[in-house]
Amino acid sequence: MKRIFHFRYSSESASGSPGQLGPLEQRLLEALWSRGTATVRELLSTGVDNLAYTTVMTTLDRLYKKNLLTREAEGRAFRYAPRVTRDELHREVAGEAFRQLLDSSSGTELPLSYLVEILSERDAHLLDDLLQVVETKRRDLRKNDLQKNEPRKNDPRKKTADTPAREKR
């Protein structure tokens, strides 16, 4: 799967790690997902109360540097917009958590058993959902493997028995 953006979620402390989202960053990102685009002043006037202009400006700049927002100059200010959807961000964060879990063990059985245990604690139907996702992915991978190994029709580079050899010049 291709990465959509270069954001990496981190479980490190809030010491300024570039991949970690703090509560204010999450709050402003939620506000931008709701609005679509906004300037600092627009965010302050509609729902992001009790914050200083410079606090919102600095936080949006951090989100921009984490590659989660785009921005365009608008007069002396910037207009910010989310670069990713809520689902894309959640997918990336979950994917990073799974990668860390798999990387934490020399074998894959233990992390996978954790996943199955967590799913079954949450809701037994999630195991059925997981099985369906796994089976769908297996079918897709098999189909892709078959397509890669199958010779292409009408491939000019491929010689067949009825293709005449090139004449020597």
N, C-alpha and C. Protein backbone atom coordinates (compact mmCIF):
# COMPACT_ATOMS: atom_id res chain seq x y z
N MET A 1 0.84 -1.18 0.00
CA MET A 1 0.00 0.00 0.00
C MET A 1 0.88 1.24 0.00
N LYS A 2 0.50 2.19 -0.80
CA LYS A 2 1.27 3.42 -0.91
C LYS A 2 0.89 4.38 0.20
N ARG A 3 1.88 5.02 0.80
CA ARG A 3 1.63 6.01 1.84
C ARG A 3 1.04 7.27 1.22
N ILE A 4 0.03 7.79 1.85
CA ILE A 4 -0.64 8.99 1.35
C ILE A 4 0.14 10.24 1.73
N PHE A 5 0.71 10.23 2.89
CA PHE A 5 1.46 11.39 3.37
C PHE A 5 2.57 10.91 4.27
N HIS A 6 3.43 11.80 4.66
CA HIS A 6 4.61 11.42 5.41
C HIS A 6 4.44 11.58 6.91
N PHE A 7 3.22 11.70 7.37
CA PHE A 7 2.95 11.81 8.79
C PHE A 7 3.19 10.46 9.43
N ARG A 8 3.86 10.44 10.54
CA ARG A 8 4.07 9.21 11.30
C ARG A 8 3.60 9.44 12.72
N TYR A 9 2.64 8.65 13.17
CA TYR A 9 2.14 8.78 14.53
C TYR A 9 3.20 8.25 15.49
N SER A 10 3.34 8.90 16.62
CA SER A 10 4.32 8.48 17.60
C SER A 10 3.68 8.45 18.97
N SER A 11 4.05 7.47 19.76
CA SER A 11 3.52 7.39 21.12
C SER A 11 4.48 8.02 22.12
N GLU A 12 5.46 8.75 21.63
CA GLU A 12 6.42 9.40 22.52
C GLU A 12 5.72 10.50 23.31
N SER A 13 6.40 11.03 24.31
CA SER A 13 5.81 12.09 25.13
C SER A 13 5.60 13.34 24.30
N ALA A 14 4.87 14.27 24.84
CA ALA A 14 4.53 15.50 24.12
C ALA A 14 5.70 16.47 24.12
N SER A 15 6.87 15.99 23.81
CA SER A 15 8.07 16.82 23.84
C SER A 15 8.34 17.47 22.49
N GLY A 16 7.30 17.59 21.69
CA GLY A 16 7.50 18.22 20.39
C GLY A 16 7.81 17.22 19.30
N SER A 17 7.55 15.96 19.52
CA SER A 17 7.77 14.95 18.50
C SER A 17 6.95 15.31 17.27
N PRO A 18 7.57 15.32 16.07
CA PRO A 18 6.85 15.78 14.89
C PRO A 18 5.68 14.90 14.50
N GLY A 19 5.61 13.68 14.97
CA GLY A 19 4.53 12.80 14.55
C GLY A 19 3.37 12.74 15.51
N GLN A 20 3.46 13.39 16.64
CA GLN A 20 2.43 13.26 17.65
C GLN A 20 1.41 14.39 17.55
N LEU A 21 0.13 14.03 17.68
CA LEU A 21 -0.92 15.04 17.69
C LEU A 21 -1.37 15.29 19.11
N GLY A 22 -1.32 16.52 19.52
CA GLY A 22 -1.81 16.90 20.84
C GLY A 22 -3.29 17.22 20.78
N PRO A 23 -3.90 17.44 21.93
CA PRO A 23 -5.35 17.72 21.98
C PRO A 23 -5.75 18.96 21.18
N LEU A 24 -4.94 20.02 21.23
CA LEU A 24 -5.27 21.23 20.48
C LEU A 24 -5.12 20.99 18.97
N GLU A 25 -4.11 20.26 18.58
CA GLU A 25 -3.94 19.93 17.16
C GLU A 25 -5.14 19.11 16.68
N GLN A 26 -5.57 18.14 17.48
CA GLN A 26 -6.73 17.34 17.11
C GLN A 26 -7.98 18.22 16.99
N ARG A 27 -8.14 19.13 17.93
CA ARG A 27 -9.31 20.02 17.95
C ARG A 27 -9.35 20.91 16.70
N LEU A 28 -8.20 21.46 16.34
CA LEU A 28 -8.16 22.33 15.15
C LEU A 28 -8.32 21.54 13.87
N LEU A 29 -7.76 20.35 13.84
CA LEU A 29 -7.94 19.50 12.66
C LEU A 29 -9.41 19.12 12.50
N GLU A 30 -10.07 18.81 13.60
CA GLU A 30 -11.52 18.52 13.55
C GLU A 30 -12.29 19.73 13.02
N ALA A 31 -11.93 20.91 13.48
CA ALA A 31 -12.61 22.13 13.02
C ALA A 31 -12.41 22.33 11.52
N LEU A 32 -11.21 22.05 11.03
CA LEU A 32 -10.96 22.20 9.59
C LEU A 32 -11.67 21.11 8.79
N TRP A 33 -11.76 19.91 9.31
CA TRP A 33 -12.52 18.88 8.60
C TRP A 33 -13.99 19.29 8.50
N SER A 34 -14.50 19.94 9.52
CA SER A 34 -15.91 20.39 9.50
C SER A 34 -16.11 21.54 8.52
N ARG A 35 -15.18 22.48 8.52
CA ARG A 35 -15.32 23.69 7.68
C ARG A 35 -14.83 23.50 6.26
N GLY A 36 -13.82 22.68 6.07
CA GLY A 36 -13.19 22.54 4.76
C GLY A 36 -11.92 23.36 4.69
N THR A 37 -12.04 24.68 4.79
CA THR A 37 -10.88 25.58 4.83
C THR A 37 -11.17 26.69 5.82
N ALA A 38 -10.10 27.32 6.30
CA ALA A 38 -10.30 28.46 7.21
C ALA A 38 -8.98 29.18 7.43
N THR A 39 -9.10 30.44 7.78
CA THR A 39 -7.95 31.21 8.26
C THR A 39 -7.98 31.15 9.79
N VAL A 40 -6.92 31.61 10.42
CA VAL A 40 -6.88 31.63 11.88
C VAL A 40 -8.05 32.45 12.41
N ARG A 41 -8.26 33.62 11.83
CA ARG A 41 -9.33 34.51 12.30
C ARG A 41 -10.71 33.84 12.17
N GLU A 42 -10.94 33.13 11.06
CA GLU A 42 -12.22 32.44 10.87
C GLU A 42 -12.42 31.35 11.92
N LEU A 43 -11.36 30.62 12.23
CA LEU A 43 -11.48 29.59 13.27
C LEU A 43 -11.79 30.20 14.62
N LEU A 44 -11.15 31.32 14.92
CA LEU A 44 -11.38 31.98 16.20
C LEU A 44 -12.81 32.52 16.31
N SER A 45 -13.36 32.97 15.19
CA SER A 45 -14.71 33.56 15.23
C SER A 45 -15.83 32.52 15.23
N THR A 46 -15.49 31.29 14.91
CA THR A 46 -16.55 30.27 14.84
C THR A 46 -16.15 28.99 15.55
N GLY A 47 -16.15 29.01 16.86
CA GLY A 47 -16.05 27.76 17.58
C GLY A 47 -14.74 27.44 18.27
N VAL A 48 -13.65 28.06 17.92
CA VAL A 48 -12.39 27.78 18.60
C VAL A 48 -12.13 28.95 19.54
N ASP A 49 -13.00 29.06 20.55
CA ASP A 49 -12.94 30.17 21.50
C ASP A 49 -11.83 29.96 22.53
N ASN A 50 -11.63 31.00 23.30
CA ASN A 50 -10.72 30.95 24.45
C ASN A 50 -9.26 30.66 24.07
N LEU A 51 -8.89 30.92 22.84
CA LEU A 51 -7.51 30.71 22.43
C LEU A 51 -6.95 32.01 21.86
N ALA A 52 -5.67 32.21 22.06
CA ALA A 52 -5.02 33.39 21.48
C ALA A 52 -4.78 33.16 20.00
N TYR A 53 -4.81 34.24 19.24
CA TYR A 53 -4.57 34.19 17.80
C TYR A 53 -3.25 33.47 17.53
N THR A 54 -2.20 33.85 18.27
CA THR A 54 -0.87 33.26 18.02
C THR A 54 -0.82 31.77 18.37
N THR A 55 -1.62 31.34 19.33
CA THR A 55 -1.68 29.91 19.68
C THR A 55 -2.26 29.11 18.52
N VAL A 56 -3.36 29.59 17.97
CA VAL A 56 -3.99 28.91 16.84
C VAL A 56 -3.06 28.95 15.63
N MET A 57 -2.44 30.10 15.38
CA MET A 57 -1.52 30.24 14.25
C MET A 57 -0.35 29.26 14.37
N THR A 58 0.24 29.15 15.54
CA THR A 58 1.38 28.26 15.76
C THR A 58 0.96 26.80 15.62
N THR A 59 -0.21 26.47 16.13
CA THR A 59 -0.69 25.09 16.06
C THR A 59 -0.99 24.69 14.62
N LEU A 60 -1.60 25.58 13.85
CA LEU A 60 -1.86 25.29 12.43
C LEU A 60 -0.55 25.15 11.66
N ASP A 61 0.44 25.96 12.01
CA ASP A 61 1.74 25.85 11.37
C ASP A 61 2.38 24.49 11.66
N ARG A 62 2.24 24.02 12.88
CA ARG A 62 2.77 22.69 13.22
C ARG A 62 2.07 21.60 12.42
N LEU A 63 0.75 21.70 12.28
CA LEU A 63 0.01 20.72 11.49
C LEU A 63 0.44 20.78 10.02
N TYR A 64 0.72 21.97 9.53
CA TYR A 64 1.22 22.14 8.16
C TYR A 64 2.58 21.46 8.02
N LYS A 65 3.47 21.67 8.99
CA LYS A 65 4.81 21.06 8.95
C LYS A 65 4.76 19.54 9.10
N LYS A 66 3.72 19.03 9.72
CA LYS A 66 3.53 17.58 9.82
C LYS A 66 2.87 17.02 8.57
N ASN A 67 2.65 17.88 7.59
CA ASN A 67 2.09 17.50 6.29
C ASN A 67 0.62 17.07 6.40
N LEU A 68 -0.08 17.58 7.40
CA LEU A 68 -1.49 17.27 7.56
C LEU A 68 -2.39 18.36 6.99
N LEU A 69 -1.83 19.54 6.75
CA LEU A 69 -2.60 20.66 6.19
C LEU A 69 -1.89 21.21 4.97
N THR A 70 -2.68 21.83 4.10
CA THR A 70 -2.13 22.66 3.03
C THR A 70 -2.41 24.11 3.43
N ARG A 71 -1.70 25.03 2.82
CA ARG A 71 -2.01 26.44 3.10
C ARG A 71 -1.68 27.27 1.87
N GLU A 72 -2.49 28.30 1.71
CA GLU A 72 -2.29 29.25 0.62
C GLU A 72 -2.33 30.65 1.21
N ALA A 73 -1.45 31.50 0.70
CA ALA A 73 -1.42 32.88 1.18
C ALA A 73 -2.72 33.56 0.79
N GLU A 74 -3.27 34.29 1.74
CA GLU A 74 -4.49 35.06 1.51
C GLU A 74 -4.29 36.40 2.22
N GLY A 75 -3.83 37.36 1.46
CA GLY A 75 -3.46 38.64 2.07
C GLY A 75 -2.24 38.43 2.95
N ARG A 76 -2.32 38.86 4.19
CA ARG A 76 -1.20 38.68 5.12
C ARG A 76 -1.34 37.41 5.95
N ALA A 77 -2.38 36.64 5.68
CA ALA A 77 -2.64 35.41 6.44
C ALA A 77 -2.56 34.20 5.51
N PHE A 78 -2.77 33.05 6.08
CA PHE A 78 -2.85 31.81 5.32
C PHE A 78 -4.25 31.23 5.46
N ARG A 79 -4.70 30.59 4.38
CA ARG A 79 -5.92 29.80 4.43
C ARG A 79 -5.48 28.34 4.48
N TYR A 80 -5.92 27.65 5.52
CA TYR A 80 -5.53 26.26 5.74
C TYR A 80 -6.64 25.31 5.32
N ALA A 81 -6.24 24.13 4.85
CA ALA A 81 -7.19 23.07 4.50
C ALA A 81 -6.56 21.72 4.86
N PRO A 82 -7.37 20.76 5.26
CA PRO A 82 -6.82 19.44 5.57
C PRO A 82 -6.25 18.79 4.31
N ARG A 83 -5.10 18.20 4.43
CA ARG A 83 -4.47 17.47 3.31
C ARG A 83 -5.04 16.05 3.24
N VAL A 84 -5.50 15.55 4.37
CA VAL A 84 -6.00 14.19 4.45
C VAL A 84 -7.39 14.20 5.07
N THR A 85 -8.13 13.15 4.80
CA THR A 85 -9.44 13.01 5.43
C THR A 85 -9.27 12.40 6.82
N ARG A 86 -10.32 12.47 7.58
CA ARG A 86 -10.32 11.86 8.91
C ARG A 86 -10.01 10.36 8.79
N ASP A 87 -10.65 9.69 7.81
CA ASP A 87 -10.42 8.25 7.62
C ASP A 87 -8.98 7.94 7.23
N GLU A 88 -8.39 8.78 6.36
CA GLU A 88 -7.00 8.55 5.97
C GLU A 88 -6.06 8.68 7.17
N LEU A 89 -6.31 9.66 8.01
CA LEU A 89 -5.48 9.84 9.20
C LEU A 89 -5.64 8.66 10.15
N HIS A 90 -6.87 8.25 10.40
CA HIS A 90 -7.11 7.11 11.29
C HIS A 90 -6.47 5.84 10.73
N ARG A 91 -6.55 5.68 9.43
CA ARG A 91 -5.95 4.50 8.79
C ARG A 91 -4.43 4.50 8.98
N GLU A 92 -3.81 5.66 8.79
CA GLU A 92 -2.36 5.77 8.94
C GLU A 92 -1.93 5.53 10.39
N VAL A 93 -2.68 6.10 11.33
CA VAL A 93 -2.35 5.92 12.75
C VAL A 93 -2.50 4.46 13.13
N ALA A 94 -3.60 3.82 12.71
CA ALA A 94 -3.80 2.40 13.02
C ALA A 94 -2.72 1.55 12.35
N GLY A 95 -2.40 1.88 11.11
CA GLY A 95 -1.36 1.14 10.39
C GLY A 95 -0.01 1.24 11.09
N GLU A 96 0.32 2.42 11.56
CA GLU A 96 1.58 2.61 12.27
C GLU A 96 1.58 1.81 13.57
N ALA A 97 0.46 1.79 14.27
CA ALA A 97 0.37 1.01 15.51
C ALA A 97 0.56 -0.48 15.22
N PHE A 98 -0.05 -0.98 14.15
CA PHE A 98 0.13 -2.39 13.78
C PHE A 98 1.57 -2.67 13.37
N ARG A 99 2.19 -1.75 12.61
CA ARG A 99 3.59 -1.94 12.22
C ARG A 99 4.48 -2.03 13.46
N GLN A 100 4.26 -1.14 14.43
CA GLN A 100 5.06 -1.17 15.66
C GLN A 100 4.82 -2.47 16.42
N LEU A 101 3.58 -2.93 16.46
CA LEU A 101 3.28 -4.18 17.13
C LEU A 101 3.99 -5.35 16.46
N LEU A 102 3.94 -5.41 15.15
CA LEU A 102 4.60 -6.50 14.42
C LEU A 102 6.12 -6.41 14.53
N ASP A 103 6.65 -5.19 14.54
CA ASP A 103 8.10 -5.01 14.66
C ASP A 103 8.62 -5.32 16.06
N SER A 104 7.73 -5.34 17.05
CA SER A 104 8.15 -5.53 18.44
C SER A 104 8.43 -6.99 18.77
N SER A 105 8.10 -7.89 17.87
CA SER A 105 8.26 -9.31 18.15
C SER A 105 9.01 -9.97 17.00
N SER A 106 9.81 -11.00 17.33
CA SER A 106 10.56 -11.69 16.28
C SER A 106 9.63 -12.54 15.42
N GLY A 107 8.55 -13.05 15.98
CA GLY A 107 7.58 -13.82 15.21
C GLY A 107 6.30 -13.03 15.05
N THR A 108 5.44 -13.50 14.18
CA THR A 108 4.19 -12.77 13.96
C THR A 108 3.03 -13.35 14.74
N GLU A 109 3.17 -14.58 15.28
CA GLU A 109 2.04 -15.22 15.95
C GLU A 109 1.58 -14.43 17.17
N LEU A 110 2.52 -13.96 17.98
CA LEU A 110 2.15 -13.27 19.21
C LEU A 110 1.40 -11.97 18.93
N PRO A 111 1.92 -11.06 18.09
CA PRO A 111 1.15 -9.84 17.81
C PRO A 111 -0.21 -10.12 17.18
N LEU A 112 -0.28 -11.12 16.31
CA LEU A 112 -1.55 -11.44 15.69
C LEU A 112 -2.53 -12.00 16.71
N SER A 113 -2.02 -12.78 17.67
CA SER A 113 -2.91 -13.29 18.72
C SER A 113 -3.43 -12.15 19.58
N TYR A 114 -2.60 -11.11 19.80
CA TYR A 114 -3.06 -9.92 20.53
C TYR A 114 -4.22 -9.27 19.77
N LEU A 115 -4.06 -9.14 18.48
CA LEU A 115 -5.10 -8.51 17.67
C LEU A 115 -6.40 -9.30 17.77
N VAL A 116 -6.32 -10.62 17.64
CA VAL A 116 -7.51 -11.47 17.72
C VAL A 116 -8.15 -11.35 19.11
N GLU A 117 -7.32 -11.32 20.15
CA GLU A 117 -7.83 -11.19 21.51
C GLU A 117 -8.56 -9.85 21.71
N ILE A 118 -7.95 -8.79 21.24
CA ILE A 118 -8.56 -7.46 21.37
C ILE A 118 -9.88 -7.39 20.61
N LEU A 119 -9.91 -7.95 19.41
CA LEU A 119 -11.14 -7.94 18.63
C LEU A 119 -12.23 -8.73 19.32
N SER A 120 -11.88 -9.90 19.87
CA SER A 120 -12.90 -10.72 20.50
C SER A 120 -13.40 -10.10 21.81
N GLU A 121 -12.53 -9.37 22.51
CA GLU A 121 -12.98 -8.66 23.72
C GLU A 121 -13.98 -7.57 23.36
N ARG A 122 -13.72 -6.89 22.26
CA ARG A 122 -14.56 -5.77 21.84
C ARG A 122 -15.91 -6.26 21.33
N ASP A 123 -15.88 -7.23 20.40
CA ASP A 123 -17.11 -7.73 19.81
C ASP A 123 -16.75 -8.97 18.99
N ALA A 124 -17.39 -10.07 19.29
CA ALA A 124 -17.09 -11.33 18.60
C ALA A 124 -17.35 -11.22 17.10
N HIS A 125 -18.28 -10.36 16.71
CA HIS A 125 -18.58 -10.20 15.28
C HIS A 125 -17.40 -9.58 14.53
N LEU A 126 -16.54 -8.87 15.24
CA LEU A 126 -15.35 -8.30 14.60
C LEU A 126 -14.43 -9.39 14.06
N LEU A 127 -14.41 -10.55 14.71
CA LEU A 127 -13.61 -11.67 14.20
C LEU A 127 -14.14 -12.12 12.84
N ASP A 128 -15.47 -12.16 12.70
CA ASP A 128 -16.06 -12.51 11.40
C ASP A 128 -15.68 -11.47 10.36
N ASP A 129 -15.73 -10.19 10.76
CA ASP A 129 -15.34 -9.11 9.84
C ASP A 129 -13.88 -9.25 9.43
N LEU A 130 -13.02 -9.57 10.41
CA LEU A 130 -11.59 -9.75 10.11
C LEU A 130 -11.39 -10.91 9.14
N LEU A 131 -12.08 -12.01 9.37
CA LEU A 131 -11.97 -13.16 8.48
C LEU A 131 -12.38 -12.79 7.05
N GLN A 132 -13.45 -12.02 6.93
CA GLN A 132 -13.91 -11.60 5.60
C GLN A 132 -12.88 -10.70 4.92
N VAL A 133 -12.27 -9.78 5.68
CA VAL A 133 -11.25 -8.88 5.12
C VAL A 133 -10.04 -9.70 4.67
N VAL A 134 -9.63 -10.68 5.48
CA VAL A 134 -8.47 -11.52 5.14
C VAL A 134 -8.77 -12.32 3.88
N GLU A 135 -9.94 -12.91 3.79
CA GLU A 135 -10.29 -13.71 2.60
C GLU A 135 -10.34 -12.85 1.35
N THR A 136 -10.89 -11.64 1.46
CA THR A 136 -10.94 -10.72 0.31
C THR A 136 -9.53 -10.35 -0.12
N LYS A 137 -8.67 -10.06 0.83
CA LYS A 137 -7.28 -9.68 0.51
C LYS A 137 -6.56 -10.85 -0.15
N ARG A 138 -6.77 -12.07 0.34
CA ARG A 138 -6.14 -13.25 -0.28
C ARG A 138 -6.58 -13.41 -1.73
N ARG A 139 -7.89 -13.23 -1.98
CA ARG A 139 -8.38 -13.34 -3.37
C ARG A 139 -7.73 -12.28 -4.26
N ASP A 140 -7.64 -11.05 -3.74
CA ASP A 140 -7.02 -9.97 -4.52
C ASP A 140 -5.56 -10.27 -4.81
N LEU A 141 -4.84 -10.77 -3.82
CA LEU A 141 -3.42 -11.09 -4.02
C LEU A 141 -3.25 -12.22 -5.02
N ARG A 142 -4.10 -13.25 -4.92
CA ARG A 142 -4.02 -14.35 -5.90
C ARG A 142 -4.31 -13.86 -7.30
N LYS A 143 -5.33 -13.01 -7.43
CA LYS A 143 -5.69 -12.47 -8.74
C LYS A 143 -4.53 -11.65 -9.31
N ASN A 144 -3.90 -10.83 -8.49
CA ASN A 144 -2.76 -10.04 -8.93
C ASN A 144 -1.59 -10.92 -9.33
N ASP A 145 -1.33 -12.00 -8.57
CA ASP A 145 -0.25 -12.93 -8.91
C ASP A 145 -0.52 -13.61 -10.24
N LEU A 146 -1.76 -14.01 -10.46
CA LEU A 146 -2.12 -14.64 -11.73
C LEU A 146 -1.94 -13.68 -12.89
N GLN A 147 -2.33 -12.43 -12.70
CA GLN A 147 -2.20 -11.44 -13.76
C GLN A 147 -0.73 -11.15 -14.07
N LYS A 148 0.11 -11.15 -13.06
CA LYS A 148 1.54 -10.90 -13.28
C LYS A 148 2.19 -12.04 -14.04
N ASN A 149 1.76 -13.27 -13.77
CA ASN A 149 2.38 -14.44 -14.40
C ASN A 149 1.76 -14.81 -15.73
N GLU A 150 0.64 -14.21 -16.06
CA GLU A 150 -0.06 -14.50 -17.30
C GLU A 150 0.57 -13.71 -18.45
N PRO A 151 0.93 -14.38 -19.57
CA PRO A 151 1.50 -13.62 -20.69
C PRO A 151 0.46 -12.68 -21.28
N ARG A 152 0.92 -11.50 -21.64
CA ARG A 152 0.01 -10.51 -22.22
C ARG A 152 -0.32 -10.86 -23.65
N LYS A 153 -1.60 -10.67 -23.99
CA LYS A 153 -2.02 -10.88 -25.37
C LYS A 153 -1.56 -9.70 -26.20
N ASN A 154 -1.25 -9.94 -27.44
CA ASN A 154 -0.84 -8.89 -28.39
C ASN A 154 0.41 -8.16 -27.93
N ASP A 155 1.28 -8.81 -27.18
CA ASP A 155 2.53 -8.20 -26.77
C ASP A 155 3.50 -8.30 -27.94
N PRO A 156 3.92 -7.18 -28.55
CA PRO A 156 4.77 -7.23 -29.74
C PRO A 156 6.14 -7.84 -29.46
N ARG A 157 6.58 -7.86 -28.22
CA ARG A 157 7.89 -8.41 -27.89
C ARG A 157 7.85 -9.93 -27.77
N LYS A 158 6.67 -10.48 -27.63
CA LYS A 158 6.52 -11.91 -27.41
C LYS A 158 6.41 -12.62 -28.75
N LYS A 159 7.26 -13.61 -28.97
CA LYS A 159 7.19 -14.38 -30.20
C LYS A 159 6.31 -15.60 -29.97
N THR A 160 5.49 -15.90 -30.95
CA THR A 160 4.69 -17.12 -30.90
C THR A 160 5.11 -17.99 -32.06
N ALA A 161 4.58 -19.17 -32.11
CA ALA A 161 4.98 -20.12 -33.16
C ALA A 161 4.64 -19.58 -34.54
N ASP A 162 3.57 -18.82 -34.66
CA ASP A 162 3.19 -18.32 -35.99
C ASP A 162 3.74 -16.92 -36.28
N THR A 163 4.63 -16.39 -35.40
CA THR A 163 5.23 -15.11 -35.66
C THR A 163 6.51 -15.32 -36.45
N PRO A 164 6.62 -14.73 -37.65
CA PRO A 164 7.83 -14.95 -38.44
C PRO A 164 9.03 -14.25 -37.79
N ALA A 165 10.17 -14.90 -37.90
CA ALA A 165 11.41 -14.32 -37.37
C ALA A 165 11.78 -13.12 -38.23
N ARG A 166 12.44 -12.14 -37.64
CA ARG A 166 12.88 -10.96 -38.42
C ARG A 166 13.92 -11.38 -39.43
N GLU A 167 13.80 -10.76 -40.57
CA GLU A 167 14.78 -11.06 -41.61
C GLU A 167 16.07 -10.33 -41.29
N LYS A 168 17.19 -10.98 -41.61
CA LYS A 168 18.50 -10.34 -41.43
C LYS A 168 18.69 -9.33 -42.53
N ARG A 169 19.22 -8.18 -42.17
CA ARG A 169 19.45 -7.13 -43.18
C ARG A 169 20.83 -7.15 -43.67
